[in-house]
Amino acid sequence: MVKSATDLDEVFSALADPTRREILVVLAEGDRSVSELAEPFDVSLPAVSKHLSVLERAGLITREREGRVRRCTLEPEPLAGALEWIAQYGSFWEESLDSLERLLDKQRKDAG
């Protein structure tokens, strides 16, 4: 769960990049090593490591060392918090648009 506005900012900032989103998609299938995560991307291993650092700061992944290998794990709680925030604003806009639709319907009936 997202604990503060700063945490939410970190999550949305991390999700803003398509490479980081794709990394999360891969990690949703299971833990991966940094090398395995870097393989499908046309970027250097240090570039992937920077992406992983952003995801880790946002709380979206954890990295653990297993011998010489660093394994990454998806942490879904911050995504749930971001979804909760989006859902709250989705309800607000849905209600606002429903209200606008009722107003327009009333004006059409009054004009006709």
PDB file of N, CA and C in Angstrom:
ATOM      1  N   MET A   1       0.851  -1.186   0.000  1.00  0.00           N
ATOM      2  CA  MET A   1       0.000   0.000   0.000  1.00  0.00           C
ATOM      3  C   MET A   1       0.889   1.239   0.000  1.00  0.00           C
ATOM      4  N   VAL A   2       0.479   2.266  -0.720  1.00  0.00           N
ATOM      5  CA  VAL A   2       1.209   3.519  -0.749  1.00  0.00           C
ATOM      6  C   VAL A   2       0.939   4.262   0.552  1.00  0.00           C
ATOM      7  N   LYS A   3       2.006   4.677   1.243  1.00  0.00           N
ATOM      8  CA  LYS A   3       1.851   5.261   2.568  1.00  0.00           C
ATOM      9  C   LYS A   3       1.745   6.777   2.563  1.00  0.00           C
ATOM     10  N   SER A   4       2.275   7.446   1.557  1.00  0.00           N
ATOM     11  CA  SER A   4       2.249   8.906   1.534  1.00  0.00           C
ATOM     12  C   SER A   4       2.212   9.398   0.099  1.00  0.00           C
ATOM     13  N   ALA A   5       2.019  10.713  -0.029  1.00  0.00           N
ATOM     14  CA  ALA A   5       2.017  11.320  -1.366  1.00  0.00           C
ATOM     15  C   ALA A   5       3.377  11.136  -2.036  1.00  0.00           C
ATOM     16  N   THR A   6       4.447  11.200  -1.249  1.00  0.00           N
ATOM     17  CA  THR A   6       5.788  11.005  -1.806  1.00  0.00           C
ATOM     18  C   THR A   6       5.936   9.584  -2.345  1.00  0.00           C
ATOM     19  N   ASP A   7       5.421   8.600  -1.597  1.00  0.00           N
ATOM     20  CA  ASP A   7       5.465   7.218  -2.070  1.00  0.00           C
ATOM     21  C   ASP A   7       4.697   7.073  -3.380  1.00  0.00           C
ATOM     22  N   LEU A   8       3.532   7.691  -3.442  1.00  0.00           N
ATOM     23  CA  LEU A   8       2.712   7.639  -4.652  1.00  0.00           C
ATOM     24  C   LEU A   8       3.441   8.290  -5.824  1.00  0.00           C
ATOM     25  N   ASP A   9       4.097   9.413  -5.572  1.00  0.00           N
ATOM     26  CA  ASP A   9       4.886  10.081  -6.613  1.00  0.00           C
ATOM     27  C   ASP A   9       5.977   9.150  -7.141  1.00  0.00           C
ATOM     28  N   GLU A  10       6.651   8.453  -6.234  1.00  0.00           N
ATOM     29  CA  GLU A  10       7.723   7.524  -6.627  1.00  0.00           C
ATOM     30  C   GLU A  10       7.167   6.395  -7.502  1.00  0.00           C
ATOM     31  N   VAL A  11       6.010   5.868  -7.130  1.00  0.00           N
ATOM     32  CA  VAL A  11       5.401   4.774  -7.890  1.00  0.00           C
ATOM     33  C   VAL A  11       5.036   5.248  -9.297  1.00  0.00           C
ATOM     34  N   PHE A  12       4.342   6.384  -9.393  1.00  0.00           N
ATOM     35  CA  PHE A  12       3.939   6.864 -10.716  1.00  0.00           C
ATOM     36  C   PHE A  12       5.148   7.270 -11.557  1.00  0.00           C
ATOM     37  N   SER A  13       6.161   7.819 -10.934  1.00  0.00           N
ATOM     38  CA  SER A  13       7.387   8.168 -11.658  1.00  0.00           C
ATOM     39  C   SER A  13       8.050   6.903 -12.204  1.00  0.00           C
ATOM     40  N   ALA A  14       8.105   5.866 -11.390  1.00  0.00           N
ATOM     41  CA  ALA A  14       8.695   4.603 -11.833  1.00  0.00           C
ATOM     42  C   ALA A  14       7.893   3.991 -12.979  1.00  0.00           C
ATOM     43  N   LEU A  15       6.574   4.095 -12.903  1.00  0.00           N
ATOM     44  CA  LEU A  15       5.706   3.513 -13.928  1.00  0.00           C
ATOM     45  C   LEU A  15       5.681   4.324 -15.226  1.00  0.00           C
ATOM     46  N   ALA A  16       6.211   5.529 -15.188  1.00  0.00           N
ATOM     47  CA  ALA A  16       6.174   6.399 -16.367  1.00  0.00           C
ATOM     48  C   ALA A  16       7.066   5.902 -17.499  1.00  0.00           C
ATOM     49  N   ASP A  17       8.014   5.042 -17.192  1.00  0.00           N
ATOM     50  CA  ASP A  17       8.965   4.583 -18.207  1.00  0.00           C
ATOM     51  C   ASP A  17       8.553   3.214 -18.754  1.00  0.00           C
ATOM     52  N   PRO A  18       8.499   3.065 -20.088  1.00  0.00           N
ATOM     53  CA  PRO A  18       8.055   1.789 -20.664  1.00  0.00           C
ATOM     54  C   PRO A  18       8.989   0.618 -20.351  1.00  0.00           C
ATOM     55  N   THR A  19      10.287   0.865 -20.241  1.00  0.00           N
ATOM     56  CA  THR A  19      11.215  -0.213 -19.899  1.00  0.00           C
ATOM     57  C   THR A  19      10.932  -0.727 -18.489  1.00  0.00           C
ATOM     58  N   ARG A  20      10.703   0.192 -17.555  1.00  0.00           N
ATOM     59  CA  ARG A  20      10.410  -0.223 -16.182  1.00  0.00           C
ATOM     60  C   ARG A  20       9.075  -0.969 -16.110  1.00  0.00           C
ATOM     61  N   ARG A  21       8.087  -0.524 -16.883  1.00  0.00           N
ATOM     62  CA  ARG A  21       6.813  -1.246 -16.895  1.00  0.00           C
ATOM     63  C   ARG A  21       7.002  -2.660 -17.438  1.00  0.00           C
ATOM     64  N   GLU A  22       7.807  -2.810 -18.470  1.00  0.00           N
ATOM     65  CA  GLU A  22       8.057  -4.133 -19.044  1.00  0.00           C
ATOM     66  C   GLU A  22       8.807  -5.018 -18.050  1.00  0.00           C
ATOM     67  N   ILE A  23       9.735  -4.446 -17.307  1.00  0.00           N
ATOM     68  CA  ILE A  23      10.441  -5.207 -16.270  1.00  0.00           C
ATOM     69  C   ILE A  23       9.428  -5.747 -15.260  1.00  0.00           C
ATOM     70  N   LEU A  24       8.462  -4.923 -14.867  1.00  0.00           N
ATOM     71  CA  LEU A  24       7.442  -5.371 -13.913  1.00  0.00           C
ATOM     72  C   LEU A  24       6.592  -6.490 -14.498  1.00  0.00           C
ATOM     73  N   VAL A  25       6.289  -6.408 -15.787  1.00  0.00           N
ATOM     74  CA  VAL A  25       5.519  -7.470 -16.455  1.00  0.00           C
ATOM     75  C   VAL A  25       6.283  -8.790 -16.369  1.00  0.00           C
ATOM     76  N   VAL A  26       7.578  -8.738 -16.644  1.00  0.00           N
ATOM     77  CA  VAL A  26       8.403  -9.946 -16.579  1.00  0.00           C
ATOM     78  C   VAL A  26       8.456 -10.479 -15.148  1.00  0.00           C
ATOM     79  N   LEU A  27       8.636  -9.583 -14.178  1.00  0.00           N
ATOM     80  CA  LEU A  27       8.724 -10.018 -12.782  1.00  0.00           C
ATOM     81  C   LEU A  27       7.394 -10.560 -12.253  1.00  0.00           C
ATOM     82  N   ALA A  28       6.285 -10.167 -12.870  1.00  0.00           N
ATOM     83  CA  ALA A  28       4.985 -10.709 -12.469  1.00  0.00           C
ATOM     84  C   ALA A  28       4.919 -12.207 -12.753  1.00  0.00           C
ATOM     85  N   GLU A  29       5.752 -12.685 -13.666  1.00  0.00           N
ATOM     86  CA  GLU A  29       5.816 -14.108 -13.993  1.00  0.00           C
ATOM     87  C   GLU A  29       6.687 -14.879 -13.003  1.00  0.00           C
ATOM     88  N   GLY A  30       7.508 -14.159 -12.233  1.00  0.00           N
ATOM     89  CA  GLY A  30       8.379 -14.811 -11.257  1.00  0.00           C
ATOM     90  C   GLY A  30       9.693 -14.066 -11.110  1.00  0.00           C
ATOM     91  N   ASP A  31      10.432 -14.408 -10.059  1.00  0.00           N
ATOM     92  CA  ASP A  31      11.715 -13.768  -9.790  1.00  0.00           C
ATOM     93  C   ASP A  31      12.673 -13.973 -10.962  1.00  0.00           C
ATOM     94  N   ARG A  32      13.533 -12.977 -11.172  1.00  0.00           N
ATOM     95  CA  ARG A  32      14.530 -13.053 -12.239  1.00  0.00           C
ATOM     96  C   ARG A  32      15.837 -12.446 -11.737  1.00  0.00           C
ATOM     97  N   SER A  33      16.933 -12.893 -12.341  1.00  0.00           N
ATOM     98  CA  SER A  33      18.227 -12.261 -12.074  1.00  0.00           C
ATOM     99  C   SER A  33      18.301 -10.972 -12.887  1.00  0.00           C
ATOM    100  N   VAL A  34      19.208 -10.108 -12.490  1.00  0.00           N
ATOM    101  CA  VAL A  34      19.396  -8.851 -13.225  1.00  0.00           C
ATOM    102  C   VAL A  34      19.766  -9.160 -14.676  1.00  0.00           C
ATOM    103  N   SER A  35      20.617 -10.136 -14.881  1.00  0.00           N
ATOM    104  CA  SER A  35      21.019 -10.509 -16.250  1.00  0.00           C
ATOM    105  C   SER A  35      19.834 -10.986 -17.073  1.00  0.00           C
ATOM    106  N   GLU A  36      18.962 -11.783 -16.452  1.00  0.00           N
ATOM    107  CA  GLU A  36      17.768 -12.263 -17.161  1.00  0.00           C
ATOM    108  C   GLU A  36      16.848 -11.099 -17.519  1.00  0.00           C
ATOM    109  N   LEU A  37      16.746 -10.132 -16.617  1.00  0.00           N
ATOM    110  CA  LEU A  37      15.898  -8.968 -16.898  1.00  0.00           C
ATOM    111  C   LEU A  37      16.480  -8.108 -18.012  1.00  0.00           C
ATOM    112  N   ALA A  38      17.797  -8.023 -18.070  1.00  0.00           N
ATOM    113  CA  ALA A  38      18.460  -7.164 -19.068  1.00  0.00           C
ATOM    114  C   ALA A  38      18.416  -7.766 -20.464  1.00  0.00           C
ATOM    115  N   GLU A  39      18.337  -9.088 -20.542  1.00  0.00           N
ATOM    116  CA  GLU A  39      18.457  -9.798 -21.818  1.00  0.00           C
ATOM    117  C   GLU A  39      17.565  -9.276 -22.944  1.00  0.00           C
ATOM    118  N   PRO A  40      16.257  -9.066 -22.741  1.00  0.00           N
ATOM    119  CA  PRO A  40      15.421  -8.669 -23.879  1.00  0.00           C
ATOM    120  C   PRO A  40      15.542  -7.201 -24.293  1.00  0.00           C
ATOM    121  N   PHE A  41      16.256  -6.402 -23.513  1.00  0.00           N
ATOM    122  CA  PHE A  41      16.332  -4.973 -23.798  1.00  0.00           C
ATOM    123  C   PHE A  41      17.610  -4.619 -24.532  1.00  0.00           C
ATOM    124  N   ASP A  42      17.508  -3.644 -25.405  1.00  0.00           N
ATOM    125  CA  ASP A  42      18.663  -3.191 -26.176  1.00  0.00           C
ATOM    126  C   ASP A  42      19.352  -2.043 -25.438  1.00  0.00           C
ATOM    127  N   VAL A  43      19.668  -2.294 -24.166  1.00  0.00           N
ATOM    128  CA  VAL A  43      20.372  -1.310 -23.343  1.00  0.00           C
ATOM    129  C   VAL A  43      21.443  -2.050 -22.539  1.00  0.00           C
ATOM    130  N   SER A  44      22.371  -1.305 -21.998  1.00  0.00           N
ATOM    131  CA  SER A  44      23.469  -1.906 -21.237  1.00  0.00           C
ATOM    132  C   SER A  44      22.982  -2.419 -19.885  1.00  0.00           C
ATOM    133  N   LEU A  45      23.767  -3.290 -19.291  1.00  0.00           N
ATOM    134  CA  LEU A  45      23.465  -3.800 -17.955  1.00  0.00           C
ATOM    135  C   LEU A  45      23.430  -2.668 -16.924  1.00  0.00           C
ATOM    136  N   PRO A  46      24.361  -1.681 -16.986  1.00  0.00           N
ATOM    137  CA  PRO A  46      24.252  -0.551 -16.046  1.00  0.00           C
ATOM    138  C   PRO A  46      22.961   0.254 -16.229  1.00  0.00           C
ATOM    139  N   ALA A  47      22.472   0.368 -17.455  1.00  0.00           N
ATOM    140  CA  ALA A  47      21.212   1.090 -17.689  1.00  0.00           C
ATOM    141  C   ALA A  47      20.048   0.334 -17.057  1.00  0.00           C
ATOM    142  N   VAL A  48      20.033  -0.979 -17.195  1.00  0.00           N
ATOM    143  CA  VAL A  48      18.987  -1.788 -16.570  1.00  0.00           C
ATOM    144  C   VAL A  48      19.085  -1.664 -15.054  1.00  0.00           C
ATOM    145  N   SER A  49      20.303  -1.654 -14.545  1.00  0.00           N
ATOM    146  CA  SER A  49      20.505  -1.506 -13.101  1.00  0.00           C
ATOM    147  C   SER A  49      19.934  -0.185 -12.593  1.00  0.00           C
ATOM    148  N   LYS A  50      20.068   0.869 -13.380  1.00  0.00           N
ATOM    149  CA  LYS A  50      19.485   2.164 -12.989  1.00  0.00           C
ATOM    150  C   LYS A  50      17.959   2.076 -12.956  1.00  0.00           C
ATOM    151  N   HIS A  51      17.386   1.412 -13.934  1.00  0.00           N
ATOM    152  CA  HIS A  51      15.932   1.216 -13.939  1.00  0.00           C
ATOM    153  C   HIS A  51      15.497   0.433 -12.692  1.00  0.00           C
ATOM    154  N   LEU A  52      16.263  -0.593 -12.362  1.00  0.00           N
ATOM    155  CA  LEU A  52      15.943  -1.394 -11.184  1.00  0.00           C
ATOM    156  C   LEU A  52      16.046  -0.575  -9.904  1.00  0.00           C
ATOM    157  N   SER A  53      16.996   0.336  -9.853  1.00  0.00           N
ATOM    158  CA  SER A  53      17.130   1.210  -8.676  1.00  0.00           C
ATOM    159  C   SER A  53      15.903   2.088  -8.507  1.00  0.00           C
ATOM    160  N   VAL A  54      15.375   2.610  -9.608  1.00  0.00           N
ATOM    161  CA  VAL A  54      14.166   3.434  -9.555  1.00  0.00           C
ATOM    162  C   VAL A  54      12.992   2.598  -9.051  1.00  0.00           C
ATOM    163  N   LEU A  55      12.860   1.384  -9.586  1.00  0.00           N
ATOM    164  CA  LEU A  55      11.774   0.495  -9.158  1.00  0.00           C
ATOM    165  C   LEU A  55      11.916   0.118  -7.683  1.00  0.00           C
ATOM    166  N   GLU A  56      13.155  -0.082  -7.248  1.00  0.00           N
ATOM    167  CA  GLU A  56      13.396  -0.436  -5.853  1.00  0.00           C
ATOM    168  C   GLU A  56      13.077   0.729  -4.913  1.00  0.00           C
ATOM    169  N   ARG A  57      13.471   1.947  -5.293  1.00  0.00           N
ATOM    170  CA  ARG A  57      13.153   3.128  -4.478  1.00  0.00           C
ATOM    171  C   ARG A  57      11.647   3.324  -4.340  1.00  0.00           C
ATOM    172  N   ALA A  58      10.916   2.969  -5.380  1.00  0.00           N
ATOM    173  CA  ALA A  58       9.455   3.095  -5.356  1.00  0.00           C
ATOM    174  C   ALA A  58       8.806   1.946  -4.585  1.00  0.00           C
ATOM    175  N   GLY A  59       9.600   0.977  -4.165  1.00  0.00           N
ATOM    176  CA  GLY A  59       9.070  -0.157  -3.422  1.00  0.00           C
ATOM    177  C   GLY A  59       8.427  -1.212  -4.301  1.00  0.00           C
ATOM    178  N   LEU A  60       8.606  -1.103  -5.627  1.00  0.00           N
ATOM    179  CA  LEU A  60       7.965  -2.022  -6.562  1.00  0.00           C
ATOM    180  C   LEU A  60       8.710  -3.343  -6.715  1.00  0.00           C
ATOM    181  N   ILE A  61      10.003  -3.336  -6.383  1.00  0.00           N
ATOM    182  CA  ILE A  61      10.787  -4.569  -6.428  1.00  0.00           C
ATOM    183  C   ILE A  61      11.717  -4.618  -5.217  1.00  0.00           C
ATOM    184  N   THR A  62      12.194  -5.817  -4.932  1.00  0.00           N
ATOM    185  CA  THR A  62      13.297  -5.994  -3.997  1.00  0.00           C
ATOM    186  C   THR A  62      14.388  -6.745  -4.741  1.00  0.00           C
ATOM    187  N   ARG A  63      15.632  -6.486  -4.340  1.00  0.00           N
ATOM    188  CA  ARG A  63      16.774  -7.199  -4.915  1.00  0.00           C
ATOM    189  C   ARG A  63      17.522  -7.881  -3.781  1.00  0.00           C
ATOM    190  N   GLU A  64      17.861  -9.135  -3.997  1.00  0.00           N
ATOM    191  CA  GLU A  64      18.634  -9.898  -3.015  1.00  0.00           C
ATOM    192  C   GLU A  64      19.799 -10.569  -3.708  1.00  0.00           C
ATOM    193  N   ARG A  65      20.891 -10.636  -2.992  1.00  0.00           N
ATOM    194  CA  ARG A  65      22.072 -11.292  -3.540  1.00  0.00           C
ATOM    195  C   ARG A  65      22.034 -12.766  -3.179  1.00  0.00           C
ATOM    196  N   GLU A  66      22.209 -13.610  -4.190  1.00  0.00           N
ATOM    197  CA  GLU A  66      22.351 -15.059  -4.010  1.00  0.00           C
ATOM    198  C   GLU A  66      23.696 -15.433  -4.598  1.00  0.00           C
ATOM    199  N   GLY A  67      24.714 -15.434  -3.764  1.00  0.00           N
ATOM    200  CA  GLY A  67      26.074 -15.649  -4.268  1.00  0.00           C
ATOM    201  C   GLY A  67      26.481 -14.454  -5.109  1.00  0.00           C
ATOM    202  N   ARG A  68      26.810 -14.705  -6.359  1.00  0.00           N
ATOM    203  CA  ARG A  68      27.202 -13.615  -7.264  1.00  0.00           C
ATOM    204  C   ARG A  68      26.025 -13.053  -8.053  1.00  0.00           C
ATOM    205  N   VAL A  69      24.867 -13.639  -7.868  1.00  0.00           N
ATOM    206  CA  VAL A  69      23.687 -13.268  -8.656  1.00  0.00           C
ATOM    207  C   VAL A  69      22.754 -12.396  -7.812  1.00  0.00           C
ATOM    208  N   ARG A  70      22.265 -11.317  -8.428  1.00  0.00           N
ATOM    209  CA  ARG A  70      21.244 -10.481  -7.777  1.00  0.00           C
ATOM    210  C   ARG A  70      19.897 -10.858  -8.359  1.00  0.00           C
ATOM    211  N   ARG A  71      18.976 -11.293  -7.490  1.00  0.00           N
ATOM    212  CA  ARG A  71      17.639 -11.689  -7.923  1.00  0.00           C
ATOM    213  C   ARG A  71      16.644 -10.597  -7.572  1.00  0.00           C
ATOM    214  N   CYS A  72      15.723 -10.367  -8.474  1.00  0.00           N
ATOM    215  CA  CYS A  72      14.699  -9.330  -8.291  1.00  0.00           C
ATOM    216  C   CYS A  72      13.341  -9.989  -8.106  1.00  0.00           C
ATOM    217  N   THR A  73      12.550  -9.389  -7.219  1.00  0.00           N
ATOM    218  CA  THR A  73      11.212  -9.878  -6.911  1.00  0.00           C
ATOM    219  C   THR A  73      10.224  -8.719  -6.998  1.00  0.00           C
ATOM    220  N   LEU A  74       9.094  -8.950  -7.607  1.00  0.00           N
ATOM    221  CA  LEU A  74       8.031  -7.951  -7.678  1.00  0.00           C
ATOM    222  C   LEU A  74       7.401  -7.785  -6.306  1.00  0.00           C
ATOM    223  N   GLU A  75       7.161  -6.550  -5.905  1.00  0.00           N
ATOM    224  CA  GLU A  75       6.452  -6.226  -4.663  1.00  0.00           C
ATOM    225  C   GLU A  75       5.150  -5.523  -5.057  1.00  0.00           C
ATOM    226  N   PRO A  76       4.014  -6.210  -5.016  1.00  0.00           N
ATOM    227  CA  PRO A  76       2.776  -5.670  -5.577  1.00  0.00           C
ATOM    228  C   PRO A  76       2.065  -4.611  -4.733  1.00  0.00           C
ATOM    229  N   GLU A  77       2.403  -4.466  -3.446  1.00  0.00           N
ATOM    230  CA  GLU A  77       1.637  -3.545  -2.594  1.00  0.00           C
ATOM    231  C   GLU A  77       1.599  -2.103  -3.112  1.00  0.00           C
ATOM    232  N   PRO A  78       2.728  -1.539  -3.554  1.00  0.00           N
ATOM    233  CA  PRO A  78       2.642  -0.163  -4.062  1.00  0.00           C
ATOM    234  C   PRO A  78       1.738  -0.036  -5.291  1.00  0.00           C
ATOM    235  N   LEU A  79       1.676  -1.075  -6.118  1.00  0.00           N
ATOM    236  CA  LEU A  79       0.770  -1.050  -7.270  1.00  0.00           C
ATOM    237  C   LEU A  79      -0.679  -1.033  -6.805  1.00  0.00           C
ATOM    238  N   ALA A  80      -0.968  -1.785  -5.750  1.00  0.00           N
ATOM    239  CA  ALA A  80      -2.324  -1.799  -5.198  1.00  0.00           C
ATOM    240  C   ALA A  80      -2.696  -0.411  -4.674  1.00  0.00           C
ATOM    241  N   GLY A  81      -1.749   0.256  -4.027  1.00  0.00           N
ATOM    242  CA  GLY A  81      -2.008   1.607  -3.533  1.00  0.00           C
ATOM    243  C   GLY A  81      -2.250   2.594  -4.658  1.00  0.00           C
ATOM    244  N   ALA A  82      -1.473   2.473  -5.735  1.00  0.00           N
ATOM    245  CA  ALA A  82      -1.664   3.360  -6.888  1.00  0.00           C
ATOM    246  C   ALA A  82      -3.020   3.094  -7.540  1.00  0.00           C
ATOM    247  N   LEU A  83      -3.387   1.832  -7.640  1.00  0.00           N
ATOM    248  CA  LEU A  83      -4.686   1.477  -8.212  1.00  0.00           C
ATOM    249  C   LEU A  83      -5.824   2.028  -7.354  1.00  0.00           C
ATOM    250  N   GLU A  84      -5.665   1.952  -6.044  1.00  0.00           N
ATOM    251  CA  GLU A  84      -6.673   2.501  -5.139  1.00  0.00           C
ATOM    252  C   GLU A  84      -6.840   4.007  -5.358  1.00  0.00           C
ATOM    253  N   TRP A  85      -5.712   4.708  -5.513  1.00  0.00           N
ATOM    254  CA  TRP A  85      -5.754   6.153  -5.751  1.00  0.00           C
ATOM    255  C   TRP A  85      -6.461   6.451  -7.076  1.00  0.00           C
ATOM    256  N   ILE A  86      -6.123   5.695  -8.115  1.00  0.00           N
ATOM    257  CA  ILE A  86      -6.749   5.884  -9.427  1.00  0.00           C
ATOM    258  C   ILE A  86      -8.247   5.609  -9.339  1.00  0.00           C
ATOM    259  N   ALA A  87      -8.617   4.552  -8.622  1.00  0.00           N
ATOM    260  CA  ALA A  87     -10.031   4.184  -8.497  1.00  0.00           C
ATOM    261  C   ALA A  87     -10.823   5.295  -7.809  1.00  0.00           C
ATOM    262  N   GLN A  88     -10.235   5.932  -6.789  1.00  0.00           N
ATOM    263  CA  GLN A  88     -10.930   7.031  -6.119  1.00  0.00           C
ATOM    264  C   GLN A  88     -11.227   8.157  -7.094  1.00  0.00           C
ATOM    265  N   TYR A  89     -10.252   8.508  -7.922  1.00  0.00           N
ATOM    266  CA  TYR A  89     -10.474   9.579  -8.881  1.00  0.00           C
ATOM    267  C   TYR A  89     -11.342   9.119 -10.036  1.00  0.00           C
ATOM    268  N   GLY A  90     -11.311   7.833 -10.337  1.00  0.00           N
ATOM    269  CA  GLY A  90     -12.213   7.297 -11.355  1.00  0.00           C
ATOM    270  C   GLY A  90     -13.663   7.464 -10.932  1.00  0.00           C
ATOM    271  N   SER A  91     -13.937   7.186  -9.663  1.00  0.00           N
ATOM    272  CA  SER A  91     -15.294   7.364  -9.133  1.00  0.00           C
ATOM    273  C   SER A  91     -15.709   8.828  -9.191  1.00  0.00           C
ATOM    274  N   PHE A  92     -14.785   9.717  -8.827  1.00  0.00           N
ATOM    275  CA  PHE A  92     -15.079  11.150  -8.875  1.00  0.00           C
ATOM    276  C   PHE A  92     -15.468  11.568 -10.281  1.00  0.00           C
ATOM    277  N   TRP A  93     -14.671  11.173 -11.292  1.00  0.00           N
ATOM    278  CA  TRP A  93     -14.957  11.579 -12.666  1.00  0.00           C
ATOM    279  C   TRP A  93     -16.220  10.910 -13.186  1.00  0.00           C
ATOM    280  N   GLU A  94     -16.448   9.676 -12.801  1.00  0.00           N
ATOM    281  CA  GLU A  94     -17.668   8.998 -13.217  1.00  0.00           C
ATOM    282  C   GLU A  94     -18.897   9.736 -12.691  1.00  0.00           C
ATOM    283  N   GLU A  95     -18.866  10.096 -11.417  1.00  0.00           N
ATOM    284  CA  GLU A  95     -19.977  10.834 -10.817  1.00  0.00           C
ATOM    285  C   GLU A  95     -20.136  12.208 -11.476  1.00  0.00           C
ATOM    286  N   SER A  96     -19.024  12.871 -11.740  1.00  0.00           N
ATOM    287  CA  SER A  96     -19.080  14.198 -12.362  1.00  0.00           C
ATOM    288  C   SER A  96     -19.664  14.119 -13.766  1.00  0.00           C
ATOM    289  N   LEU A  97     -19.229  13.129 -14.531  1.00  0.00           N
ATOM    290  CA  LEU A  97     -19.742  12.991 -15.897  1.00  0.00           C
ATOM    291  C   LEU A  97     -21.202  12.557 -15.905  1.00  0.00           C
ATOM    292  N   ASP A  98     -21.596  11.718 -14.952  1.00  0.00           N
ATOM    293  CA  ASP A  98     -23.011  11.339 -14.830  1.00  0.00           C
ATOM    294  C   ASP A  98     -23.866  12.560 -14.513  1.00  0.00           C
ATOM    295  N   SER A  99     -23.366  13.413 -13.633  1.00  0.00           N
ATOM    296  CA  SER A  99     -24.075  14.639 -13.267  1.00  0.00           C
ATOM    297  C   SER A  99     -24.204  15.562 -14.481  1.00  0.00           C
ATOM    298  N   LEU A 100     -23.145  15.692 -15.249  1.00  0.00           N
ATOM    299  CA  LEU A 100     -23.171  16.512 -16.461  1.00  0.00           C
ATOM    300  C   LEU A 100     -24.172  15.939 -17.460  1.00  0.00           C
ATOM    301  N   GLU A 101     -24.197  14.627 -17.606  1.00  0.00           N
ATOM    302  CA  GLU A 101     -25.143  13.995 -18.526  1.00  0.00           C
ATOM    303  C   GLU A 101     -26.588  14.280 -18.108  1.00  0.00           C
ATOM    304  N   ARG A 102     -26.873  14.190 -16.813  1.00  0.00           N
ATOM    305  CA  ARG A 102     -28.229  14.500 -16.325  1.00  0.00           C
ATOM    306  C   ARG A 102     -28.593  15.951 -16.618  1.00  0.00           C
ATOM    307  N   LEU A 103     -27.658  16.846 -16.414  1.00  0.00           N
ATOM    308  CA  LEU A 103     -27.901  18.277 -16.669  1.00  0.00           C
ATOM    309  C   LEU A 103     -28.189  18.504 -18.161  1.00  0.00           C
ATOM    310  N   LEU A 104     -27.390  17.892 -19.022  1.00  0.00           N
ATOM    311  CA  LEU A 104     -27.605  18.048 -20.460  1.00  0.00           C
ATOM    312  C   LEU A 104     -28.944  17.448 -20.903  1.00  0.00           C
ATOM    313  N   ASP A 105     -29.290  16.299 -20.337  1.00  0.00           N
ATOM    314  CA  ASP A 105     -30.573  15.679 -20.649  1.00  0.00           C
ATOM    315  C   ASP A 105     -31.729  16.603 -20.249  1.00  0.00           C
ATOM    316  N   LYS A 106     -31.605  17.207 -19.072  1.00  0.00           N
ATOM    317  CA  LYS A 106     -32.630  18.133 -18.583  1.00  0.00           C
ATOM    318  C   LYS A 106     -32.754  19.355 -19.506  1.00  0.00           C
ATOM    319  N   GLN A 107     -31.603  19.875 -19.924  1.00  0.00           N
ATOM    320  CA  GLN A 107     -31.622  21.041 -20.820  1.00  0.00           C
ATOM    321  C   GLN A 107     -32.229  20.673 -22.183  1.00  0.00           C
ATOM    322  N   ARG A 108     -31.965  19.504 -22.686  1.00  0.00           N
ATOM    323  CA  ARG A 108     -32.555  19.077 -23.953  1.00  0.00           C
ATOM    324  C   ARG A 108     -34.070  18.940 -23.836  1.00  0.00           C
ATOM    325  N   LYS A 109     -34.520  18.386 -22.700  1.00  0.00           N
ATOM    326  CA  LYS A 109     -35.958  18.230 -22.480  1.00  0.00           C
ATOM    327  C   LYS A 109     -36.637  19.579 -22.336  1.00  0.00           C
ATOM    328  N   ASP A 110     -35.969  20.507 -21.621  1.00  0.00           N
ATOM    329  CA  ASP A 110     -36.529  21.832 -21.437  1.00  0.00           C
ATOM    330  C   ASP A 110     -36.579  22.620 -22.753  1.00  0.00           C
ATOM    331  N   ALA A 111     -35.598  22.388 -23.627  1.00  0.00           N
ATOM    332  CA  ALA A 111     -35.546  23.094 -24.903  1.00  0.00           C
ATOM    333  C   ALA A 111     -36.515  22.502 -25.921  1.00  0.00           C
ATOM    334  N   GLY A 112     -36.869  21.259 -25.742  1.00  0.00           N
ATOM    335  CA  GLY A 112     -37.689  20.554 -26.738  1.00  0.00           C
ATOM    336  C   GLY A 112     -39.086  20.555 -26.437  1.00  0.00           C
TER     337      GLY A 112
END
